Amino acid sequence: MTMMAMGLGKHVYVEKPMARTFNEVELMMKAAKKYNKVVTQMGNQGHSEANYFQFKAWKEAGIIKDVTSITAHMNSPRRWHGWDVNIKSFPAAQTLPDSLDWDLWQMATMDHDYNKDFVNGQWRCWFDFGMGALGDWGAHILDTAHEFLDLGLPYQINPVLQGHNDFFFPTSSTLAFKFPKRGSMPAIDVNWYDGINNLPPIPKGYGVSGLDPNIPPPSTGVIAPAKLNPGKIIYSKELTFKGGSDGSTLSIIPEEKAMAMASSLPEVPLSPSNHFKNFIQACKGEEKARSPFAIAGPLSQVFCLGVLAQKLNTNLEFDRKRKVITNNKTANALLIGPAPRKGWEQYYKV
């Protein structure tokens, strides 16, 4: 849909994850460059809230500097938790609802028979359809760090998984993304934790983990309680920061350090527009989109690489310049994925 719209000169707002495969994201970025009058925006809504403007102001003021490690965590229950990890096949075919065009719904994914566990949010559970907890929440937790610390793409991804199988996402995963030095900024390790009991180490003085009130409820009605609410811990050479997801702002920990620095922190401007209004203003030429494909694309590709490490349960070495996986032919082929289904080939060309 996005490739068609851009080709017709229509502005596009997409939700995260931008696409399922690394190459699909690459094509979307190339199309955005080709059709450069088209405004693009990815729906990581916190990128237009206080989280965005605070990180930007603190980075520019030198409060956030020399970051060497980031812990990102999402430890709430997921749809596939509790499924049998020993399954050897996809669920059996079911009667197709009259209201669903199954061929159109699948689009370019592998040819599956309809089952209720493939639709209505359940698509997030499967490697063939979704991107699990990482693709769902990563863009709400790591977006500002990725942009303002100029992370780009990792050169290595190392997974530690529990409950792994070939069909749906693991019960829990720890992914270590390694990013090199960028200009004057030191190398960074970004460590991702998901799974109910797969809690990250918490630094002294961390305090209480609050849940961002701006997070919209899921289709199930409410956000299930977690032992640790979604968020991040940012470690620099001098300071440690604690943050939530979406629009949540950072705080300096421990509290005593934060109080001592309170008077020296820069003023953070208020957001002139939420993410939806920002997109509309950008379409009218009155603002720049804050999460265009040029910014959201590389962030999304980080998650595509993480999902490949989860799927194959193996370490991956990635060449950032050539954008290829150098140590695993299967993984490298999956950057592109299967050939487009007949009838959809035109959308895989720019």
C-alpha atoms as a PDB file:
ATOM      1  CA  MET A   1       0.000   0.000   0.000  1.00  0.00           C
ATOM      2  CA  THR A   2       2.806   2.389   0.925  1.00  0.00           C
ATOM      3  CA  MET A   3       4.785   1.818  -2.261  1.00  0.00           C
ATOM      4  CA  MET A   4       1.647   2.304  -4.359  1.00  0.00           C
ATOM      5  CA  ALA A   5       0.711   5.519  -2.537  1.00  0.00           C
ATOM      6  CA  MET A   6       4.175   7.062  -2.904  1.00  0.00           C
ATOM      7  CA  GLY A   7       4.178   6.184  -6.598  1.00  0.00           C
ATOM      8  CA  LEU A   8       0.889   8.099  -6.903  1.00  0.00           C
ATOM      9  CA  GLY A   9       2.403  11.101  -5.116  1.00  0.00           C
ATOM     10  CA  LYS A  10       0.391  10.614  -1.932  1.00  0.00           C
ATOM     11  CA  HIS A  11       1.791  11.334   1.538  1.00  0.00           C
ATOM     12  CA  VAL A  12       2.044   8.256   3.751  1.00  0.00           C
ATOM     13  CA  TYR A  13       1.754   7.599   7.474  1.00  0.00           C
ATOM     14  CA  VAL A  14       2.579   4.010   8.459  1.00  0.00           C
ATOM     15  CA  GLU A  15       2.627   2.214  11.775  1.00  0.00           C
ATOM     16  CA  LYS A  16       5.641   0.451  13.193  1.00  0.00           C
ATOM     17  CA  PRO A  17       7.191  -1.876  12.335  1.00  0.00           C
ATOM     18  CA  MET A  18       7.633  -0.255   8.919  1.00  0.00           C
ATOM     19  CA  ALA A  19       7.937  -3.635   7.217  1.00  0.00           C
ATOM     20  CA  ARG A  20       8.760  -7.249   7.990  1.00  0.00           C
ATOM     21  CA  THR A  21      12.038  -7.598   6.104  1.00  0.00           C
ATOM     22  CA  PHE A  22      15.198  -5.525   5.935  1.00  0.00           C
ATOM     23  CA  ASN A  23      14.829  -5.184   2.171  1.00  0.00           C
ATOM     24  CA  GLU A  24      11.227  -3.991   2.332  1.00  0.00           C
ATOM     25  CA  VAL A  25      12.341  -1.152   4.629  1.00  0.00           C
ATOM     26  CA  GLU A  26      15.220  -0.421   2.241  1.00  0.00           C
ATOM     27  CA  LEU A  27      12.778  -0.172  -0.673  1.00  0.00           C
ATOM     28  CA  MET A  28      10.525   2.184   1.285  1.00  0.00           C
ATOM     29  CA  MET A  29      13.473   4.470   2.049  1.00  0.00           C
ATOM     30  CA  LYS A  30      14.570   4.452  -1.601  1.00  0.00           C
ATOM     31  CA  ALA A  31      11.031   5.256  -2.740  1.00  0.00           C
ATOM     32  CA  ALA A  32      10.857   8.158  -0.271  1.00  0.00           C
ATOM     33  CA  LYS A  33      14.030   9.561  -1.841  1.00  0.00           C
ATOM     34  CA  LYS A  34      12.712   9.057  -5.363  1.00  0.00           C
ATOM     35  CA  TYR A  35       9.339  10.641  -4.631  1.00  0.00           C
ATOM     36  CA  ASN A  36      10.878  13.403  -2.543  1.00  0.00           C
ATOM     37  CA  LYS A  37       7.800  15.619  -2.543  1.00  0.00           C
ATOM     38  CA  VAL A  38       5.939  12.920  -0.629  1.00  0.00           C
ATOM     39  CA  VAL A  39       5.860  13.303   3.166  1.00  0.00           C
ATOM     40  CA  THR A  40       6.520  10.101   5.123  1.00  0.00           C
ATOM     41  CA  GLN A  41       5.964   9.401   8.805  1.00  0.00           C
ATOM     42  CA  MET A  42       6.216   6.263  10.969  1.00  0.00           C
ATOM     43  CA  GLY A  43       3.904   6.023  13.958  1.00  0.00           C
ATOM     44  CA  ASN A  44       6.263   5.937  16.911  1.00  0.00           C
ATOM     45  CA  GLN A  45       4.101   8.617  18.522  1.00  0.00           C
ATOM     46  CA  GLY A  46       6.508   9.459  21.363  1.00  0.00           C
ATOM     47  CA  HIS A  47       8.793  10.961  18.721  1.00  0.00           C
ATOM     48  CA  SER A  48       6.610  14.074  18.875  1.00  0.00           C
ATOM     49  CA  GLU A  49       6.194  14.204  22.651  1.00  0.00           C
ATOM     50  CA  ALA A  50       8.340  15.350  25.600  1.00  0.00           C
ATOM     51  CA  ASN A  51      10.651  12.336  25.205  1.00  0.00           C
ATOM     52  CA  TYR A  52      11.826  13.656  21.823  1.00  0.00           C
ATOM     53  CA  PHE A  53      12.356  17.277  22.792  1.00  0.00           C
ATOM     54  CA  GLN A  54      14.053  16.472  26.097  1.00  0.00           C
ATOM     55  CA  PHE A  55      16.523  14.007  24.552  1.00  0.00           C
ATOM     56  CA  LYS A  56      17.323  16.510  21.799  1.00  0.00           C
ATOM     57  CA  ALA A  57      17.841  19.381  24.275  1.00  0.00           C
ATOM     58  CA  TRP A  58      19.926  17.301  26.690  1.00  0.00           C
ATOM     59  CA  LYS A  59      22.079  15.959  23.864  1.00  0.00           C
ATOM     60  CA  GLU A  60      22.686  19.440  22.436  1.00  0.00           C
ATOM     61  CA  ALA A  61      23.517  20.789  25.911  1.00  0.00           C
ATOM     62  CA  GLY A  62      26.040  18.015  26.567  1.00  0.00           C
ATOM     63  CA  ILE A  63      24.031  16.410  29.378  1.00  0.00           C
ATOM     64  CA  ILE A  64      23.701  13.207  27.347  1.00  0.00           C
ATOM     65  CA  LYS A  65      27.179  12.436  26.030  1.00  0.00           C
ATOM     66  CA  ASP A  66      29.716   9.603  25.899  1.00  0.00           C
ATOM     67  CA  VAL A  67      26.982   6.949  26.067  1.00  0.00           C
ATOM     68  CA  THR A  68      28.541   3.479  26.141  1.00  0.00           C
ATOM     69  CA  SER A  69      25.586   1.184  26.883  1.00  0.00           C
ATOM     70  CA  ILE A  70      21.787   1.138  26.704  1.00  0.00           C
ATOM     71  CA  THR A  71      19.485  -1.424  28.286  1.00  0.00           C
ATOM     72  CA  ALA A  72      16.040  -1.593  26.689  1.00  0.00           C
ATOM     73  CA  HIS A  73      13.386  -3.808  28.273  1.00  0.00           C
ATOM     74  CA  MET A  74       9.841  -4.926  27.545  1.00  0.00           C
ATOM     75  CA  ASN A  75       8.804  -7.554  30.102  1.00  0.00           C
ATOM     76  CA  SER A  76       5.022  -7.561  29.776  1.00  0.00           C
ATOM     77  CA  PRO A  77       3.096 -10.713  28.739  1.00  0.00           C
ATOM     78  CA  ARG A  78       2.880 -11.297  24.982  1.00  0.00           C
ATOM     79  CA  ARG A  79       0.245 -13.099  22.932  1.00  0.00           C
ATOM     80  CA  TRP A  80       2.411 -16.159  22.241  1.00  0.00           C
ATOM     81  CA  HIS A  81       3.565 -16.670  25.816  1.00  0.00           C
ATOM     82  CA  GLY A  82       2.352 -20.066  26.978  1.00  0.00           C
ATOM     83  CA  TRP A  83       2.193 -21.589  23.513  1.00  0.00           C
ATOM     84  CA  ASP A  84       3.767 -25.011  23.051  1.00  0.00           C
ATOM     85  CA  VAL A  85       7.352 -24.362  21.931  1.00  0.00           C
ATOM     86  CA  ASN A  86       7.581 -27.915  20.563  1.00  0.00           C
ATOM     87  CA  ILE A  87       5.089 -27.419  17.729  1.00  0.00           C
ATOM     88  CA  LYS A  88       6.290 -28.687  14.345  1.00  0.00           C
ATOM     89  CA  SER A  89       3.815 -26.969  12.019  1.00  0.00           C
ATOM     90  CA  PHE A  90       1.596 -23.926  11.534  1.00  0.00           C
ATOM     91  CA  PRO A  91      -2.024 -24.131  12.771  1.00  0.00           C
ATOM     92  CA  ALA A  92      -4.483 -26.003  10.577  1.00  0.00           C
ATOM     93  CA  ALA A  93      -6.588 -24.262   7.945  1.00  0.00           C
ATOM     94  CA  GLN A  94      -9.943 -22.845   9.073  1.00  0.00           C
ATOM     95  CA  THR A  95     -13.005 -21.596   7.222  1.00  0.00           C
ATOM     96  CA  LEU A  96     -12.291 -18.194   5.746  1.00  0.00           C
ATOM     97  CA  PRO A  97     -14.650 -15.407   6.940  1.00  0.00           C
ATOM     98  CA  ASP A  98     -16.715 -13.805   4.176  1.00  0.00           C
ATOM     99  CA  SER A  99     -15.468 -10.389   5.277  1.00  0.00           C
ATOM    100  CA  LEU A 100     -11.779 -11.142   4.631  1.00  0.00           C
ATOM    101  CA  ASP A 101      -9.887 -11.043   1.339  1.00  0.00           C
ATOM    102  CA  TRP A 102      -7.207 -13.503   2.452  1.00  0.00           C
ATOM    103  CA  ASP A 103      -5.070 -13.155  -0.667  1.00  0.00           C
ATOM    104  CA  LEU A 104      -4.927  -9.390  -0.319  1.00  0.00           C
ATOM    105  CA  TRP A 105      -4.375  -9.580   3.453  1.00  0.00           C
ATOM    106  CA  GLN A 106      -1.331 -11.835   3.007  1.00  0.00           C
ATOM    107  CA  MET A 107       0.107  -9.707   0.199  1.00  0.00           C
ATOM    108  CA  ALA A 108       3.773 -10.720  -0.114  1.00  0.00           C
ATOM    109  CA  THR A 109       4.069 -13.119   2.821  1.00  0.00           C
ATOM    110  CA  MET A 110       4.454 -16.853   2.309  1.00  0.00           C
ATOM    111  CA  ASP A 111       1.331 -18.621   1.098  1.00  0.00           C
ATOM    112  CA  HIS A 112      -0.539 -19.701   4.243  1.00  0.00           C
ATOM    113  CA  ASP A 113      -3.997 -21.103   4.768  1.00  0.00           C
ATOM    114  CA  TYR A 114      -6.268 -18.886   6.831  1.00  0.00           C
ATOM    115  CA  ASN A 115      -6.321 -19.384  10.595  1.00  0.00           C
ATOM    116  CA  LYS A 116      -7.702 -17.033  13.257  1.00  0.00           C
ATOM    117  CA  ASP A 117      -4.280 -17.020  14.940  1.00  0.00           C
ATOM    118  CA  PHE A 118      -2.823 -15.175  11.940  1.00  0.00           C
ATOM    119  CA  VAL A 119      -5.075 -12.069  12.127  1.00  0.00           C
ATOM    120  CA  ASN A 120      -6.405  -9.406  14.511  1.00  0.00           C
ATOM    121  CA  GLY A 121      -3.121  -8.764  16.254  1.00  0.00           C
ATOM    122  CA  GLN A 122      -2.120 -12.417  16.400  1.00  0.00           C
ATOM    123  CA  TRP A 123       0.055 -11.781  13.321  1.00  0.00           C
ATOM    124  CA  ARG A 124       2.626 -10.280  15.728  1.00  0.00           C
ATOM    125  CA  CYS A 125       3.370 -13.772  17.064  1.00  0.00           C
ATOM    126  CA  TRP A 126       4.764 -15.349  13.904  1.00  0.00           C
ATOM    127  CA  PHE A 127       8.099 -14.887  12.147  1.00  0.00           C
ATOM    128  CA  ASP A 128       6.276 -15.114   8.792  1.00  0.00           C
ATOM    129  CA  PHE A 129       3.942 -12.206   9.619  1.00  0.00           C
ATOM    130  CA  GLY A 130       5.265 -10.016  12.420  1.00  0.00           C
ATOM    131  CA  MET A 131       8.254  -8.869  14.430  1.00  0.00           C
ATOM    132  CA  GLY A 132       7.403  -9.900  17.977  1.00  0.00           C
ATOM    133  CA  ALA A 133       8.024  -7.745  21.027  1.00  0.00           C
ATOM    134  CA  LEU A 134      11.084  -6.117  19.480  1.00  0.00           C
ATOM    135  CA  GLY A 135       9.314  -4.822  16.381  1.00  0.00           C
ATOM    136  CA  ASP A 136       6.249  -3.843  18.408  1.00  0.00           C
ATOM    137  CA  TRP A 137       7.934  -1.948  21.257  1.00  0.00           C
ATOM    138  CA  GLY A 138      11.470  -1.206  20.113  1.00  0.00           C
ATOM    139  CA  ALA A 139      10.400   1.864  18.155  1.00  0.00           C
ATOM    140  CA  HIS A 140       8.728   3.305  21.277  1.00  0.00           C
ATOM    141  CA  ILE A 141      11.710   2.681  23.543  1.00  0.00           C
ATOM    142  CA  LEU A 142      14.850   3.208  21.454  1.00  0.00           C
ATOM    143  CA  ASP A 143      13.699   5.835  18.941  1.00  0.00           C
ATOM    144  CA  THR A 144      15.299   8.956  20.441  1.00  0.00           C
ATOM    145  CA  ALA A 145      18.553   7.237  21.392  1.00  0.00           C
ATOM    146  CA  HIS A 146      18.838   5.809  17.901  1.00  0.00           C
ATOM    147  CA  GLU A 147      18.325   9.169  16.203  1.00  0.00           C
ATOM    148  CA  PHE A 148      20.223  11.555  18.454  1.00  0.00           C
ATOM    149  CA  LEU A 149      23.136   9.204  19.142  1.00  0.00           C
ATOM    150  CA  ASP A 150      23.404   8.490  15.413  1.00  0.00           C
ATOM    151  CA  LEU A 151      23.431   4.721  15.959  1.00  0.00           C
ATOM    152  CA  GLY A 152      22.636   3.654  12.408  1.00  0.00           C
ATOM    153  CA  LEU A 153      22.996  -0.103  11.964  1.00  0.00           C
ATOM    154  CA  PRO A 154      24.786  -2.583  14.269  1.00  0.00           C
ATOM    155  CA  TYR A 155      27.800  -4.625  13.213  1.00  0.00           C
ATOM    156  CA  GLN A 156      26.942  -7.585  15.455  1.00  0.00           C
ATOM    157  CA  ILE A 157      23.843  -9.118  17.067  1.00  0.00           C
ATOM    158  CA  ASN A 158      24.179 -11.835  19.708  1.00  0.00           C
ATOM    159  CA  PRO A 159      21.006 -13.585  20.958  1.00  0.00           C
ATOM    160  CA  VAL A 160      20.252 -15.546  24.124  1.00  0.00           C
ATOM    161  CA  LEU A 161      16.807 -17.119  23.784  1.00  0.00           C
ATOM    162  CA  GLN A 162      14.387 -19.190  25.853  1.00  0.00           C
ATOM    163  CA  GLY A 163      11.483 -21.093  24.297  1.00  0.00           C
ATOM    164  CA  HIS A 164      12.816 -20.893  20.758  1.00  0.00           C
ATOM    165  CA  ASN A 165      11.124 -22.599  17.801  1.00  0.00           C
ATOM    166  CA  ASP A 166      10.984 -22.088  14.054  1.00  0.00           C
ATOM    167  CA  PHE A 167       7.477 -20.621  13.849  1.00  0.00           C
ATOM    168  CA  PHE A 168       6.714 -18.044  16.540  1.00  0.00           C
ATOM    169  CA  PHE A 169       8.750 -15.732  18.716  1.00  0.00           C
ATOM    170  CA  PRO A 170      10.653 -16.983  21.766  1.00  0.00           C
ATOM    171  CA  THR A 171       9.260 -16.887  25.278  1.00  0.00           C
ATOM    172  CA  SER A 172      12.064 -14.504  26.183  1.00  0.00           C
ATOM    173  CA  SER A 173      15.060 -13.066  24.434  1.00  0.00           C
ATOM    174  CA  THR A 174      18.143 -11.057  25.250  1.00  0.00           C
ATOM    175  CA  LEU A 175      19.731  -9.451  22.226  1.00  0.00           C
ATOM    176  CA  ALA A 176      23.095  -7.690  22.345  1.00  0.00           C
ATOM    177  CA  PHE A 177      23.428  -5.179  19.491  1.00  0.00           C
ATOM    178  CA  LYS A 178      26.918  -3.769  19.012  1.00  0.00           C
ATOM    179  CA  PHE A 179      27.367  -0.358  17.353  1.00  0.00           C
ATOM    180  CA  PRO A 180      30.778   1.089  16.469  1.00  0.00           C
ATOM    181  CA  LYS A 181      32.243   4.504  17.226  1.00  0.00           C
ATOM    182  CA  ARG A 182      30.482   7.288  15.357  1.00  0.00           C
ATOM    183  CA  GLY A 183      32.614  10.412  14.987  1.00  0.00           C
ATOM    184  CA  SER A 184      33.534  11.527  18.490  1.00  0.00           C
ATOM    185  CA  MET A 185      30.970   9.224  20.118  1.00  0.00           C
ATOM    186  CA  PRO A 186      32.176   5.947  21.666  1.00  0.00           C
ATOM    187  CA  ALA A 187      30.992   2.481  20.654  1.00  0.00           C
ATOM    188  CA  ILE A 188      27.679   1.451  22.206  1.00  0.00           C
ATOM    189  CA  ASP A 189      26.187  -1.865  23.286  1.00  0.00           C
ATOM    190  CA  VAL A 190      22.383  -1.898  23.142  1.00  0.00           C
ATOM    191  CA  ASN A 191      20.970  -4.797  25.158  1.00  0.00           C
ATOM    192  CA  TRP A 192      17.333  -5.753  24.594  1.00  0.00           C
ATOM    193  CA  TYR A 193      15.358  -7.840  27.128  1.00  0.00           C
ATOM    194  CA  ASP A 194      11.867  -9.261  26.603  1.00  0.00           C
ATOM    195  CA  GLY A 195      10.015 -11.998  28.482  1.00  0.00           C
ATOM    196  CA  ILE A 196       8.095 -11.909  31.750  1.00  0.00           C
ATOM    197  CA  ASN A 197      10.955 -13.167  33.916  1.00  0.00           C
ATOM    198  CA  ASN A 198      13.847 -12.039  31.726  1.00  0.00           C
ATOM    199  CA  LEU A 199      14.508  -8.871  33.703  1.00  0.00           C
ATOM    200  CA  PRO A 200      17.596  -6.759  33.008  1.00  0.00           C
ATOM    201  CA  PRO A 201      20.076  -5.777  35.719  1.00  0.00           C
ATOM    202  CA  ILE A 202      18.942  -2.607  37.473  1.00  0.00           C
ATOM    203  CA  PRO A 203      21.483  -0.035  38.697  1.00  0.00           C
ATOM    204  CA  LYS A 204      21.612   1.172  42.272  1.00  0.00           C
ATOM    205  CA  GLY A 205      19.245   4.066  42.870  1.00  0.00           C
ATOM    206  CA  TYR A 206      16.933   3.057  40.013  1.00  0.00           C
ATOM    207  CA  GLY A 207      13.789   3.661  42.082  1.00  0.00           C
ATOM    208  CA  VAL A 208      10.270   2.857  40.836  1.00  0.00           C
ATOM    209  CA  SER A 209       9.393   1.957  37.245  1.00  0.00           C
ATOM    210  CA  GLY A 210       6.366   3.993  36.191  1.00  0.00           C
ATOM    211  CA  LEU A 211       4.031   3.180  33.306  1.00  0.00           C
ATOM    212  CA  ASP A 212       3.626   5.924  30.715  1.00  0.00           C
ATOM    213  CA  PRO A 213      -0.014   7.103  30.813  1.00  0.00           C
ATOM    214  CA  ASN A 214       0.227   7.971  27.104  1.00  0.00           C
ATOM    215  CA  ILE A 215       0.568   4.325  26.041  1.00  0.00           C
ATOM    216  CA  PRO A 216      -2.711   3.377  24.330  1.00  0.00           C
ATOM    217  CA  PRO A 217      -4.408   0.184  25.515  1.00  0.00           C
ATOM    218  CA  PRO A 218      -4.074  -2.905  23.290  1.00  0.00           C
ATOM    219  CA  SER A 219      -6.991  -4.555  21.516  1.00  0.00           C
ATOM    220  CA  THR A 220      -7.410  -6.807  24.562  1.00  0.00           C
ATOM    221  CA  GLY A 221      -8.480  -3.743  26.574  1.00  0.00           C
ATOM    222  CA  VAL A 222      -5.767  -3.121  29.156  1.00  0.00           C
ATOM    223  CA  ILE A 223      -2.008  -3.370  29.442  1.00  0.00           C
ATOM    224  CA  ALA A 224      -1.202  -6.448  31.501  1.00  0.00           C
ATOM    225  CA  PRO A 225       0.875  -5.779  34.625  1.00  0.00           C
ATOM    226  CA  ALA A 226       4.596  -6.445  34.403  1.00  0.00           C
ATOM    227  CA  LYS A 227       7.367  -6.890  36.944  1.00  0.00           C
ATOM    228  CA  LEU A 228       9.161  -4.049  35.185  1.00  0.00           C
ATOM    229  CA  ASN A 229       7.384  -1.571  32.945  1.00  0.00           C
ATOM    230  CA  PRO A 230       8.718  -1.000  29.413  1.00  0.00           C
ATOM    231  CA  GLY A 231      11.648   1.374  29.271  1.00  0.00           C
ATOM    232  CA  LYS A 232      15.373   1.965  29.033  1.00  0.00           C
ATOM    233  CA  ILE A 233      18.481   2.632  31.077  1.00  0.00           C
ATOM    234  CA  ILE A 234      21.173   4.734  29.417  1.00  0.00           C
ATOM    235  CA  TYR A 235      24.729   4.513  30.751  1.00  0.00           C
ATOM    236  CA  SER A 236      27.256   7.224  29.940  1.00  0.00           C
ATOM    237  CA  LYS A 237      30.742   7.715  31.323  1.00  0.00           C
ATOM    238  CA  GLU A 238      29.495  10.218  33.918  1.00  0.00           C
ATOM    239  CA  LEU A 239      25.713   9.838  34.233  1.00  0.00           C
ATOM    240  CA  THR A 240      23.021   7.168  34.208  1.00  0.00           C
ATOM    241  CA  PHE A 241      19.535   7.902  32.866  1.00  0.00           C
ATOM    242  CA  LYS A 242      16.252   6.080  33.381  1.00  0.00           C
ATOM    243  CA  GLY A 243      13.367   6.351  30.943  1.00  0.00           C
ATOM    244  CA  GLY A 244      10.110   4.730  29.965  1.00  0.00           C
ATOM    245  CA  SER A 245       8.596   4.267  26.519  1.00  0.00           C
ATOM    246  CA  ASP A 246       6.557   6.427  24.139  1.00  0.00           C
ATOM    247  CA  GLY A 247       6.456  10.009  25.443  1.00  0.00           C
ATOM    248  CA  SER A 248       8.098   9.357  28.822  1.00  0.00           C
ATOM    249  CA  THR A 249      10.999  11.644  29.676  1.00  0.00           C
ATOM    250  CA  LEU A 250      14.357  10.630  31.100  1.00  0.00           C
ATOM    251  CA  SER A 251      15.442  11.152  34.669  1.00  0.00           C
ATOM    252  CA  ILE A 252      18.971  11.116  36.062  1.00  0.00           C
ATOM    253  CA  ILE A 253      19.646   8.454  38.677  1.00  0.00           C
ATOM    254  CA  PRO A 254      20.253   8.219  41.544  1.00  0.00           C
ATOM    255  CA  GLU A 255      17.821  10.900  42.746  1.00  0.00           C
ATOM    256  CA  GLU A 256      20.505  12.714  44.733  1.00  0.00           C
ATOM    257  CA  LYS A 257      22.485  13.285  41.545  1.00  0.00           C
ATOM    258  CA  ALA A 258      19.385  14.529  39.753  1.00  0.00           C
ATOM    259  CA  MET A 259      18.626  17.037  42.496  1.00  0.00           C
ATOM    260  CA  ALA A 260      22.189  18.353  42.454  1.00  0.00           C
ATOM    261  CA  MET A 261      21.983  18.936  38.691  1.00  0.00           C
ATOM    262  CA  ALA A 262      18.433  20.311  38.564  1.00  0.00           C
ATOM    263  CA  SER A 263      19.433  23.965  38.248  1.00  0.00           C
ATOM    264  CA  SER A 264      21.887  23.297  35.409  1.00  0.00           C
ATOM    265  CA  LEU A 265      19.566  21.324  33.153  1.00  0.00           C
ATOM    266  CA  PRO A 266      18.470  23.095  29.945  1.00  0.00           C
ATOM    267  CA  GLU A 267      14.903  24.216  29.398  1.00  0.00           C
ATOM    268  CA  VAL A 268      13.021  21.736  27.245  1.00  0.00           C
ATOM    269  CA  PRO A 269      10.663  23.287  24.668  1.00  0.00           C
ATOM    270  CA  LEU A 270       7.077  22.135  24.508  1.00  0.00           C
ATOM    271  CA  SER A 271       5.996  20.104  21.517  1.00  0.00           C
ATOM    272  CA  PRO A 272       4.244  22.290  18.924  1.00  0.00           C
ATOM    273  CA  SER A 273       2.274  19.312  17.611  1.00  0.00           C
ATOM    274  CA  ASN A 274       1.571  15.682  18.412  1.00  0.00           C
ATOM    275  CA  HIS A 275       2.679  13.013  15.945  1.00  0.00           C
ATOM    276  CA  PHE A 276      -0.527  13.026  13.904  1.00  0.00           C
ATOM    277  CA  LYS A 277      -0.713  16.808  13.678  1.00  0.00           C
ATOM    278  CA  ASN A 278       3.001  16.932  12.834  1.00  0.00           C
ATOM    279  CA  PHE A 279       2.299  14.686   9.840  1.00  0.00           C
ATOM    280  CA  ILE A 280      -0.586  16.890   8.693  1.00  0.00           C
ATOM    281  CA  GLN A 281       1.481  20.047   9.176  1.00  0.00           C
ATOM    282  CA  ALA A 282       4.297  18.451   7.169  1.00  0.00           C
ATOM    283  CA  CYS A 283       1.868  17.603   4.362  1.00  0.00           C
ATOM    284  CA  LYS A 284       0.905  21.300   4.318  1.00  0.00           C
ATOM    285  CA  GLY A 285       4.562  22.375   4.293  1.00  0.00           C
ATOM    286  CA  GLU A 286       4.340  23.986   7.738  1.00  0.00           C
ATOM    287  CA  GLU A 287       6.589  21.552   9.686  1.00  0.00           C
ATOM    288  CA  LYS A 288       9.062  18.779   8.949  1.00  0.00           C
ATOM    289  CA  ALA A 289       7.935  15.237   9.732  1.00  0.00           C
ATOM    290  CA  ARG A 290       9.797  14.061  12.856  1.00  0.00           C
ATOM    291  CA  SER A 291       9.902  10.372  11.981  1.00  0.00           C
ATOM    292  CA  PRO A 292      10.254  10.233   8.181  1.00  0.00           C
ATOM    293  CA  PHE A 293      11.469   7.073   6.517  1.00  0.00           C
ATOM    294  CA  ALA A 294      15.030   8.437   6.390  1.00  0.00           C
ATOM    295  CA  ILE A 295      15.029   8.396  10.232  1.00  0.00           C
ATOM    296  CA  ALA A 296      12.554   5.598  10.985  1.00  0.00           C
ATOM    297  CA  GLY A 297      13.948   3.259   8.321  1.00  0.00           C
ATOM    298  CA  PRO A 298      17.372   2.519   9.854  1.00  0.00           C
ATOM    299  CA  LEU A 299      15.706   2.157  13.271  1.00  0.00           C
ATOM    300  CA  SER A 300      13.286  -0.380  11.795  1.00  0.00           C
ATOM    301  CA  GLN A 301      16.153  -2.227  10.123  1.00  0.00           C
ATOM    302  CA  VAL A 302      17.849  -2.668  13.508  1.00  0.00           C
ATOM    303  CA  PHE A 303      14.763  -4.611  14.584  1.00  0.00           C
ATOM    304  CA  CYS A 304      14.703  -6.611  11.333  1.00  0.00           C
ATOM    305  CA  LEU A 305      18.257  -7.763  12.104  1.00  0.00           C
ATOM    306  CA  GLY A 306      17.320  -8.598  15.700  1.00  0.00           C
ATOM    307  CA  VAL A 307      14.382 -10.695  14.508  1.00  0.00           C
ATOM    308  CA  LEU A 308      16.682 -12.687  12.205  1.00  0.00           C
ATOM    309  CA  ALA A 309      18.917 -13.448  15.192  1.00  0.00           C
ATOM    310  CA  GLN A 310      15.822 -14.593  17.099  1.00  0.00           C
ATOM    311  CA  LYS A 311      14.526 -16.704  14.216  1.00  0.00           C
ATOM    312  CA  LEU A 312      17.821 -18.477  13.526  1.00  0.00           C
ATOM    313  CA  ASN A 313      19.004 -18.461  17.164  1.00  0.00           C
ATOM    314  CA  THR A 314      22.530 -17.524  16.162  1.00  0.00           C
ATOM    315  CA  ASN A 315      25.060 -14.686  16.293  1.00  0.00           C
ATOM    316  CA  LEU A 316      25.073 -12.425  13.239  1.00  0.00           C
ATOM    317  CA  GLU A 317      27.891 -10.321  11.790  1.00  0.00           C
ATOM    318  CA  PHE A 318      26.674  -7.385   9.694  1.00  0.00           C
ATOM    319  CA  ASP A 319      28.594  -5.224   7.227  1.00  0.00           C
ATOM    320  CA  ARG A 320      27.155  -1.745   7.764  1.00  0.00           C
ATOM    321  CA  LYS A 321      28.452  -0.322   4.481  1.00  0.00           C
ATOM    322  CA  ARG A 322      27.436  -3.149   2.154  1.00  0.00           C
ATOM    323  CA  LYS A 323      24.333  -3.988   4.222  1.00  0.00           C
ATOM    324  CA  VAL A 324      24.950  -7.721   4.155  1.00  0.00           C
ATOM    325  CA  ILE A 325      25.278 -10.440   6.793  1.00  0.00           C
ATOM    326  CA  THR A 326      28.756 -11.880   6.385  1.00  0.00           C
ATOM    327  CA  ASN A 327      28.743 -15.017   8.565  1.00  0.00           C
ATOM    328  CA  ASN A 328      25.469 -16.737   7.677  1.00  0.00           C
ATOM    329  CA  LYS A 329      24.188 -17.301   4.128  1.00  0.00           C
ATOM    330  CA  THR A 330      20.699 -18.226   5.294  1.00  0.00           C
ATOM    331  CA  ALA A 331      20.379 -15.051   7.349  1.00  0.00           C
ATOM    332  CA  ASN A 332      21.739 -12.955   4.494  1.00  0.00           C
ATOM    333  CA  ALA A 333      19.124 -14.401   2.117  1.00  0.00           C
ATOM    334  CA  LEU A 334      16.419 -13.580   4.674  1.00  0.00           C
ATOM    335  CA  LEU A 335      17.342  -9.889   4.512  1.00  0.00           C
ATOM    336  CA  ILE A 336      15.402  -9.987   1.247  1.00  0.00           C
ATOM    337  CA  GLY A 337      13.133 -12.934   1.965  1.00  0.00           C
ATOM    338  CA  PRO A 338      11.091 -14.897  -0.574  1.00  0.00           C
ATOM    339  CA  ALA A 339      10.503 -13.593  -4.099  1.00  0.00           C
ATOM    340  CA  PRO A 340       7.415 -11.381  -4.460  1.00  0.00           C
ATOM    341  CA  ARG A 341       4.214 -13.270  -5.141  1.00  0.00           C
ATOM    342  CA  LYS A 342       2.831 -13.047  -8.649  1.00  0.00           C
ATOM    343  CA  GLY A 343       1.025  -9.767  -9.125  1.00  0.00           C
ATOM    344  CA  TRP A 344       3.056  -7.846  -6.556  1.00  0.00           C
ATOM    345  CA  GLU A 345       6.411  -7.638  -8.347  1.00  0.00           C
ATOM    346  CA  GLN A 346       6.074  -3.955  -9.296  1.00  0.00           C
ATOM    347  CA  TYR A 347       6.141  -2.871  -5.649  1.00  0.00           C
ATOM    348  CA  TYR A 348       9.552  -4.448  -5.144  1.00  0.00           C
ATOM    349  CA  LYS A 349      11.209  -2.152  -7.654  1.00  0.00           C
ATOM    350  CA  VAL A 350      12.198   1.497  -7.221  1.00  0.00           C
END
